[in-house]
N, C-alpha and C. Protein backbone atom coordinates (compact mmCIF):
# COMPACT_ATOMS: atom_id res chain seq x y z
N MET A 1 19.26 1.52 -7.41
CA MET A 1 18.05 2.33 -7.40
C MET A 1 16.86 1.43 -7.07
N SER A 2 16.03 1.86 -6.13
CA SER A 2 14.86 1.06 -5.79
C SER A 2 13.71 1.42 -6.72
N VAL A 3 12.79 0.51 -6.85
CA VAL A 3 11.62 0.73 -7.70
C VAL A 3 10.81 1.93 -7.21
N TYR A 4 10.86 2.21 -5.92
CA TYR A 4 10.11 3.32 -5.35
C TYR A 4 10.56 4.67 -5.89
N GLU A 5 11.82 4.76 -6.29
CA GLU A 5 12.34 6.02 -6.84
C GLU A 5 11.69 6.36 -8.17
N GLN A 6 11.15 5.38 -8.83
CA GLN A 6 10.54 5.59 -10.13
C GLN A 6 9.05 5.93 -10.05
N LEU A 7 8.48 5.83 -8.85
CA LEU A 7 7.04 6.07 -8.68
C LEU A 7 6.74 7.55 -8.47
N PRO A 8 5.58 7.99 -8.96
CA PRO A 8 5.14 9.35 -8.62
C PRO A 8 4.73 9.40 -7.15
N ASN A 9 4.62 10.59 -6.61
CA ASN A 9 4.35 10.75 -5.18
C ASN A 9 3.05 10.08 -4.73
N ASP A 10 2.01 10.11 -5.55
CA ASP A 10 0.76 9.50 -5.11
C ASP A 10 0.88 7.98 -4.97
N LEU A 11 1.59 7.34 -5.88
CA LEU A 11 1.79 5.89 -5.74
C LEU A 11 2.73 5.56 -4.58
N LEU A 12 3.74 6.38 -4.39
CA LEU A 12 4.64 6.19 -3.26
C LEU A 12 3.84 6.27 -1.96
N ALA A 13 2.97 7.26 -1.86
CA ALA A 13 2.12 7.42 -0.67
C ALA A 13 1.18 6.23 -0.52
N GLY A 14 0.64 5.75 -1.62
CA GLY A 14 -0.26 4.60 -1.57
C GLY A 14 0.43 3.36 -1.03
N PHE A 15 1.63 3.09 -1.52
CA PHE A 15 2.39 1.94 -1.02
C PHE A 15 2.70 2.11 0.47
N PHE A 16 3.13 3.30 0.84
CA PHE A 16 3.49 3.56 2.24
C PHE A 16 2.30 3.30 3.17
N VAL A 17 1.17 3.87 2.87
CA VAL A 17 0.00 3.74 3.74
C VAL A 17 -0.53 2.32 3.75
N GLU A 18 -0.65 1.71 2.59
CA GLU A 18 -1.22 0.35 2.53
C GLU A 18 -0.31 -0.66 3.22
N ILE A 19 0.99 -0.57 2.99
CA ILE A 19 1.92 -1.50 3.65
C ILE A 19 1.89 -1.28 5.16
N SER A 20 1.91 -0.01 5.57
CA SER A 20 1.86 0.29 7.01
C SER A 20 0.60 -0.26 7.65
N ASN A 21 -0.54 -0.03 7.00
CA ASN A 21 -1.82 -0.53 7.54
C ASN A 21 -1.84 -2.05 7.63
N ASN A 22 -1.33 -2.71 6.61
CA ASN A 22 -1.34 -4.17 6.61
C ASN A 22 -0.37 -4.76 7.64
N ILE A 23 0.72 -4.09 7.90
CA ILE A 23 1.64 -4.54 8.95
C ILE A 23 0.93 -4.42 10.30
N ARG A 24 0.27 -3.28 10.53
CA ARG A 24 -0.45 -3.08 11.80
C ARG A 24 -1.53 -4.11 12.01
N LYS A 25 -2.20 -4.49 10.93
CA LYS A 25 -3.29 -5.48 11.01
C LYS A 25 -2.76 -6.91 11.11
N GLY A 26 -1.46 -7.09 10.93
CA GLY A 26 -0.88 -8.42 10.98
C GLY A 26 -1.01 -9.19 9.68
N LEU A 27 -1.37 -8.50 8.59
CA LEU A 27 -1.55 -9.16 7.30
C LEU A 27 -0.24 -9.34 6.55
N LEU A 28 0.74 -8.52 6.88
CA LEU A 28 2.05 -8.63 6.25
C LEU A 28 3.09 -8.85 7.33
N SER A 29 4.15 -9.53 6.97
CA SER A 29 5.19 -9.83 7.95
C SER A 29 5.97 -8.58 8.32
N GLU A 30 6.68 -8.69 9.40
CA GLU A 30 7.51 -7.57 9.84
C GLU A 30 8.65 -7.31 8.87
N ALA A 31 8.92 -8.26 7.99
CA ALA A 31 9.95 -8.04 6.97
C ALA A 31 9.57 -6.87 6.05
N MET A 32 8.30 -6.54 6.02
CA MET A 32 7.86 -5.43 5.18
C MET A 32 8.34 -4.08 5.73
N TYR A 33 8.85 -4.06 6.96
CA TYR A 33 9.44 -2.84 7.48
C TYR A 33 10.59 -2.38 6.60
N HIS A 34 11.26 -3.32 5.95
CA HIS A 34 12.34 -2.97 5.01
C HIS A 34 11.76 -2.15 3.85
N GLU A 35 10.60 -2.55 3.36
CA GLU A 35 9.95 -1.81 2.28
C GLU A 35 9.58 -0.41 2.74
N ILE A 36 9.07 -0.31 3.96
CA ILE A 36 8.73 1.00 4.52
C ILE A 36 9.98 1.88 4.60
N ALA A 37 11.09 1.30 5.00
CA ALA A 37 12.35 2.06 5.09
C ALA A 37 12.77 2.56 3.70
N LEU A 38 12.62 1.73 2.69
CA LEU A 38 12.96 2.15 1.32
C LEU A 38 12.08 3.32 0.88
N ILE A 39 10.79 3.22 1.19
CA ILE A 39 9.86 4.29 0.81
C ILE A 39 10.21 5.58 1.55
N LYS A 40 10.52 5.46 2.84
CA LYS A 40 10.89 6.66 3.62
C LYS A 40 12.14 7.31 3.06
N THR A 41 13.10 6.52 2.62
CA THR A 41 14.33 7.06 2.04
C THR A 41 14.03 7.88 0.79
N VAL A 42 13.18 7.34 -0.07
CA VAL A 42 12.80 8.06 -1.28
C VAL A 42 12.04 9.34 -0.92
N ALA A 43 11.11 9.22 0.02
CA ALA A 43 10.33 10.39 0.44
C ALA A 43 11.23 11.48 1.01
N GLU A 44 12.21 11.09 1.81
CA GLU A 44 13.14 12.07 2.38
C GLU A 44 13.92 12.79 1.28
N LYS A 45 14.35 12.05 0.26
CA LYS A 45 15.07 12.67 -0.86
C LYS A 45 14.19 13.69 -1.57
N ARG A 46 12.88 13.42 -1.58
CA ARG A 46 11.93 14.34 -2.23
C ARG A 46 11.41 15.40 -1.26
N LYS A 47 11.92 15.36 -0.04
CA LYS A 47 11.50 16.30 1.02
C LYS A 47 10.01 16.17 1.33
N ILE A 48 9.57 14.90 1.41
CA ILE A 48 8.19 14.59 1.75
C ILE A 48 8.19 13.88 3.10
N SER A 49 7.43 14.39 4.04
CA SER A 49 7.36 13.78 5.38
C SER A 49 6.33 12.63 5.38
N GLU A 50 6.32 11.86 6.47
CA GLU A 50 5.32 10.81 6.62
C GLU A 50 3.92 11.40 6.65
N LEU A 51 3.77 12.56 7.28
CA LEU A 51 2.47 13.23 7.29
C LEU A 51 2.06 13.65 5.89
N ASP A 52 3.03 14.09 5.10
CA ASP A 52 2.74 14.43 3.70
C ASP A 52 2.28 13.20 2.93
N LEU A 53 2.94 12.07 3.17
CA LEU A 53 2.54 10.83 2.50
C LEU A 53 1.10 10.47 2.86
N GLN A 54 0.76 10.61 4.14
CA GLN A 54 -0.62 10.34 4.58
C GLN A 54 -1.60 11.29 3.89
N ARG A 55 -1.25 12.57 3.83
CA ARG A 55 -2.13 13.57 3.21
C ARG A 55 -2.32 13.29 1.72
N ILE A 56 -1.22 12.99 1.04
CA ILE A 56 -1.29 12.66 -0.39
C ILE A 56 -2.19 11.46 -0.60
N TYR A 57 -2.03 10.46 0.25
CA TYR A 57 -2.86 9.25 0.15
C TYR A 57 -4.34 9.60 0.31
N GLU A 58 -4.66 10.36 1.36
CA GLU A 58 -6.05 10.72 1.64
C GLU A 58 -6.67 11.56 0.52
N GLU A 59 -5.88 12.45 -0.05
CA GLU A 59 -6.40 13.37 -1.06
C GLU A 59 -6.43 12.79 -2.47
N LYS A 60 -5.43 11.98 -2.82
CA LYS A 60 -5.29 11.57 -4.21
C LYS A 60 -5.51 10.08 -4.47
N VAL A 61 -5.14 9.25 -3.51
CA VAL A 61 -5.20 7.81 -3.76
C VAL A 61 -6.52 7.21 -3.27
N LYS A 62 -6.85 7.45 -2.03
CA LYS A 62 -8.04 6.84 -1.42
C LYS A 62 -9.32 7.11 -2.20
N PRO A 63 -9.54 8.33 -2.69
CA PRO A 63 -10.78 8.58 -3.43
C PRO A 63 -10.91 7.79 -4.74
N GLN A 64 -9.82 7.25 -5.24
CA GLN A 64 -9.84 6.55 -6.52
C GLN A 64 -10.39 5.13 -6.45
N TYR A 65 -10.58 4.64 -5.26
CA TYR A 65 -11.12 3.29 -5.13
C TYR A 65 -11.93 3.18 -3.85
N THR A 66 -12.80 2.18 -3.83
CA THR A 66 -13.51 1.87 -2.59
C THR A 66 -13.04 0.50 -2.15
N ARG A 67 -12.45 0.44 -1.01
CA ARG A 67 -11.83 -0.78 -0.52
C ARG A 67 -12.83 -1.90 -0.35
N THR A 68 -14.03 -1.59 0.10
CA THR A 68 -15.01 -2.66 0.34
C THR A 68 -15.39 -3.35 -0.95
N ASP A 69 -15.57 -2.58 -2.04
CA ASP A 69 -15.91 -3.21 -3.31
C ASP A 69 -14.80 -4.13 -3.78
N GLN A 70 -13.56 -3.67 -3.72
CA GLN A 70 -12.43 -4.48 -4.16
C GLN A 70 -12.26 -5.70 -3.27
N SER A 71 -12.39 -5.52 -1.96
CA SER A 71 -12.22 -6.63 -1.03
C SER A 71 -13.28 -7.68 -1.24
N ASP A 72 -14.53 -7.25 -1.47
CA ASP A 72 -15.62 -8.20 -1.68
C ASP A 72 -15.37 -9.03 -2.92
N HIS A 73 -14.96 -8.40 -4.01
CA HIS A 73 -14.69 -9.13 -5.24
C HIS A 73 -13.52 -10.09 -5.06
N LEU A 74 -12.47 -9.66 -4.39
CA LEU A 74 -11.31 -10.50 -4.16
C LEU A 74 -11.68 -11.69 -3.28
N SER A 75 -12.44 -11.43 -2.22
CA SER A 75 -12.86 -12.52 -1.33
C SER A 75 -13.69 -13.54 -2.07
N SER A 76 -14.59 -13.08 -2.93
CA SER A 76 -15.43 -13.99 -3.70
C SER A 76 -14.58 -14.84 -4.64
N ALA A 77 -13.62 -14.22 -5.28
CA ALA A 77 -12.75 -14.96 -6.20
C ALA A 77 -11.94 -16.00 -5.46
N ILE A 78 -11.44 -15.67 -4.29
CA ILE A 78 -10.67 -16.61 -3.48
C ILE A 78 -11.55 -17.77 -3.03
N ASP A 79 -12.77 -17.46 -2.59
CA ASP A 79 -13.70 -18.51 -2.16
C ASP A 79 -13.99 -19.49 -3.29
N ILE A 80 -14.16 -18.98 -4.50
CA ILE A 80 -14.44 -19.84 -5.66
C ILE A 80 -13.24 -20.75 -5.93
N LEU A 81 -12.03 -20.19 -5.90
CA LEU A 81 -10.84 -20.99 -6.17
C LEU A 81 -10.64 -22.07 -5.12
N ILE A 82 -10.91 -21.76 -3.86
CA ILE A 82 -10.74 -22.73 -2.79
C ILE A 82 -11.77 -23.85 -2.91
N ALA A 83 -12.97 -23.51 -3.33
CA ALA A 83 -14.06 -24.49 -3.39
C ALA A 83 -13.92 -25.45 -4.57
N GLN A 84 -13.17 -25.05 -5.58
CA GLN A 84 -13.02 -25.92 -6.77
C GLN A 84 -12.09 -27.08 -6.48
N PRO A 85 -12.55 -28.29 -6.80
CA PRO A 85 -11.65 -29.45 -6.62
C PRO A 85 -10.58 -29.46 -7.69
N ASP A 86 -9.47 -30.14 -7.40
CA ASP A 86 -8.35 -30.22 -8.37
C ASP A 86 -8.71 -31.05 -9.58
């Protein structure tokens, strides 16, 4: 059993969209296609299409956070860690 089978539909959709977007942007390796395949398998068992996953993401997941705020905080934290000497 994959971990994706234990997730509710909104989290499954979130993983699907975010992994897909990051692969397209070149931020994740092509090995992540395996993860996408696992998610699609679970979605098919639940009779959820890729379009449904996108819709669920847009309606339920995306409104819960603002990417720019999270990215800015993460970037700042990374910059601080890099700048600190050992």
